[in-house]
C-alpha atoms as a PDB file:
ATOM      1  CA  MET A   1       0.124   0.288  -0.166  1.00  0.00           C
ATOM      2  CA  LYS A   2       1.026   3.448  -0.582  1.00  0.00           C
ATOM      3  CA  LEU A   3       1.331   6.188   2.370  1.00  0.00           C
ATOM      4  CA  SER A   4       1.975   9.760   2.486  1.00  0.00           C
ATOM      5  CA  LEU A   5       2.447  10.151   6.021  1.00  0.00           C
ATOM      6  CA  ASP A   6       3.021  13.523   7.726  1.00  0.00           C
ATOM      7  CA  ALA A   7       5.463  15.044  10.153  1.00  0.00           C
ATOM      8  CA  ASN A   8       3.651  14.539  13.488  1.00  0.00           C
ATOM      9  CA  VAL A   9       3.394  10.507  12.506  1.00  0.00           C
ATOM     10  CA  PHE A  10       7.122  10.214  12.950  1.00  0.00           C
ATOM     11  CA  ILE A  11       7.215  12.489  16.256  1.00  0.00           C
ATOM     12  CA  TYR A  12       4.552  10.639  17.375  1.00  0.00           C
ATOM     13  CA  ALA A  13       6.449   6.899  16.104  1.00  0.00           C
ATOM     14  CA  TYR A  14       9.716   7.508  17.601  1.00  0.00           C
ATOM     15  CA  ILE A  15       8.791   9.367  20.821  1.00  0.00           C
ATOM     16  CA  THR A  16       6.586   6.734  23.369  1.00  0.00           C
ATOM     17  CA  GLY A  17       5.168   9.512  25.793  1.00  0.00           C
ATOM     18  CA  GLU A  18       6.268   7.451  28.296  1.00  0.00           C
ATOM     19  CA  ASN A  19       6.994  10.480  30.397  1.00  0.00           C
ATOM     20  CA  ILE A  20       5.347  13.211  29.555  1.00  0.00           C
ATOM     21  CA  LYS A  21       4.279  14.460  33.379  1.00  0.00           C
ATOM     22  CA  ASN A  22       0.787  15.146  32.969  1.00  0.00           C
ATOM     23  CA  GLU A  23      -1.685  12.121  32.896  1.00  0.00           C
ATOM     24  CA  ARG A  24      -4.622  12.933  30.487  1.00  0.00           C
ATOM     25  CA  ARG A  25      -1.943  14.231  27.839  1.00  0.00           C
ATOM     26  CA  ARG A  26       0.346  11.130  27.874  1.00  0.00           C
ATOM     27  CA  LYS A  27      -2.061   8.732  27.894  1.00  0.00           C
ATOM     28  CA  GLU A  28      -3.090  10.586  25.002  1.00  0.00           C
ATOM     29  CA  TRP A  29       0.270  10.785  23.179  1.00  0.00           C
ATOM     30  CA  VAL A  30       0.574   6.896  24.189  1.00  0.00           C
ATOM     31  CA  GLN A  31      -2.542   6.193  22.253  1.00  0.00           C
ATOM     32  CA  LEU A  32      -1.169   7.911  19.196  1.00  0.00           C
ATOM     33  CA  HIS A  33       2.648   6.426  19.774  1.00  0.00           C
ATOM     34  CA  GLU A  34       0.636   2.946  19.723  1.00  0.00           C
ATOM     35  CA  LYS A  35      -0.888   3.523  16.689  1.00  0.00           C
ATOM     36  CA  ALA A  36       2.051   5.338  14.544  1.00  0.00           C
ATOM     37  CA  ASP A  37       4.664   2.369  15.682  1.00  0.00           C
ATOM     38  CA  VAL A  38       2.644   0.350  14.075  1.00  0.00           C
ATOM     39  CA  LEU A  39       2.669   2.391  10.628  1.00  0.00           C
ATOM     40  CA  TYR A  40       6.111   2.991  11.008  1.00  0.00           C
ATOM     41  CA  THR A  41       7.124  -0.863  11.543  1.00  0.00           C
ATOM     42  CA  ASP A  42       5.160  -2.368   8.715  1.00  0.00           C
ATOM     43  CA  VAL A  43       7.171   0.603   6.495  1.00  0.00           C
ATOM     44  CA  LEU A  44      10.492  -0.761   7.534  1.00  0.00           C
ATOM     45  CA  LYS A  45       9.459  -4.341   6.885  1.00  0.00           C
ATOM     46  CA  GLY A  46       8.527  -2.869   3.302  1.00  0.00           C
ATOM     47  CA  LYS A  47       4.063  -3.814   3.882  1.00  0.00           C
ATOM     48  CA  HIS A  48       3.905  -0.067   2.622  1.00  0.00           C
ATOM     49  CA  VAL A  49       6.017   2.837   0.420  1.00  0.00           C
ATOM     50  CA  VAL A  50       5.655   5.731   2.091  1.00  0.00           C
ATOM     51  CA  ILE A  51       5.762   8.847   0.223  1.00  0.00           C
ATOM     52  CA  ILE A  52       6.732  11.838   1.969  1.00  0.00           C
ATOM     53  CA  PRO A  53       7.527  15.306   0.992  1.00  0.00           C
ATOM     54  CA  SER A  54      11.633  16.566   0.866  1.00  0.00           C
ATOM     55  CA  VAL A  55      10.800  19.227   3.568  1.00  0.00           C
ATOM     56  CA  ILE A  56      10.270  16.288   6.051  1.00  0.00           C
ATOM     57  CA  VAL A  57      13.129  16.480   8.381  1.00  0.00           C
ATOM     58  CA  ALA A  58      12.538  20.527   8.700  1.00  0.00           C
ATOM     59  CA  GLU A  59       8.579  19.633   9.282  1.00  0.00           C
ATOM     60  CA  VAL A  60      10.232  16.808  12.218  1.00  0.00           C
ATOM     61  CA  CYS A  61      12.456  19.632  13.458  1.00  0.00           C
ATOM     62  CA  ALA A  62       9.808  21.948  13.374  1.00  0.00           C
ATOM     63  CA  VAL A  63       7.230  19.994  15.775  1.00  0.00           C
ATOM     64  CA  ILE A  64       9.721  19.250  18.093  1.00  0.00           C
ATOM     65  CA  SER A  65      10.511  22.609  18.184  1.00  0.00           C
ATOM     66  CA  ARG A  66       6.985  23.206  18.933  1.00  0.00           C
ATOM     67  CA  LEU A  67       6.237  20.906  21.238  1.00  0.00           C
ATOM     68  CA  LEU A  68       9.616  21.771  23.519  1.00  0.00           C
ATOM     69  CA  ARG A  69       8.301  25.299  23.646  1.00  0.00           C
ATOM     70  CA  ALA A  70       4.256  24.186  24.014  1.00  0.00           C
ATOM     71  CA  PHE A  71       4.844  21.536  26.822  1.00  0.00           C
ATOM     72  CA  GLU A  72       8.582  22.829  28.466  1.00  0.00           C
ATOM     73  CA  SER A  73       6.377  21.569  31.768  1.00  0.00           C
ATOM     74  CA  TYR A  74       5.079  18.392  30.284  1.00  0.00           C
ATOM     75  CA  VAL A  75       8.295  16.777  28.018  1.00  0.00           C
ATOM     76  CA  ASP A  76      11.590  15.649  29.215  1.00  0.00           C
ATOM     77  CA  VAL A  77      13.659  17.054  26.915  1.00  0.00           C
ATOM     78  CA  ARG A  78      15.620  13.816  27.199  1.00  0.00           C
ATOM     79  CA  LEU A  79      13.205  12.384  25.626  1.00  0.00           C
ATOM     80  CA  PHE A  80      14.172  13.473  21.740  1.00  0.00           C
ATOM     81  CA  LYS A  81      18.051  12.387  22.723  1.00  0.00           C
ATOM     82  CA  ASP A  82      17.748   8.750  20.982  1.00  0.00           C
ATOM     83  CA  MET A  83      15.969  10.437  17.826  1.00  0.00           C
ATOM     84  CA  SER A  84      18.106   9.104  14.601  1.00  0.00           C
ATOM     85  CA  LEU A  85      16.797   9.190  11.171  1.00  0.00           C
ATOM     86  CA  ASP A  86      19.451   6.485  10.284  1.00  0.00           C
ATOM     87  CA  ASP A  87      16.134   4.115   8.350  1.00  0.00           C
ATOM     88  CA  ILE A  88      14.922   6.779   6.566  1.00  0.00           C
ATOM     89  CA  LYS A  89      16.235   6.441   2.699  1.00  0.00           C
ATOM     90  CA  LEU A  90      15.260   9.592   0.771  1.00  0.00           C
ATOM     91  CA  MET A  91      14.874   8.889  -2.664  1.00  0.00           C
ATOM     92  CA  PRO A  92      13.459  11.416  -5.630  1.00  0.00           C
ATOM     93  CA  ILE A  93      10.749   9.840  -7.255  1.00  0.00           C
ATOM     94  CA  ASP A  94       8.362  10.514 -10.601  1.00  0.00           C
ATOM     95  CA  VAL A  95       4.822  11.841  -9.555  1.00  0.00           C
ATOM     96  CA  ARG A  96       3.498  10.112 -12.468  1.00  0.00           C
ATOM     97  CA  LEU A  97       4.046   7.106 -11.006  1.00  0.00           C
ATOM     98  CA  VAL A  98       2.296   8.056  -7.691  1.00  0.00           C
END
């Protein structure tokens, strides 16, 4: 299946949310993480082809920046130390094939 994913899906897949101090936000984040993690894992297994814009890295950085500003008292910034894009390959595509 071909999927187009937003930057938020990658953020939710990488960050479990277990360390968010606010209980309501933690529960919401954990649920979103579980869904995003399934998608991301299936992509890594080759079950899906992901089509993303070339600006996805900038979008992920923007989301992280917003999170840090919005949830300074809720998010432990150490959550972001293990983020890596090593599993992502950027490839040009012919839009006529999409």
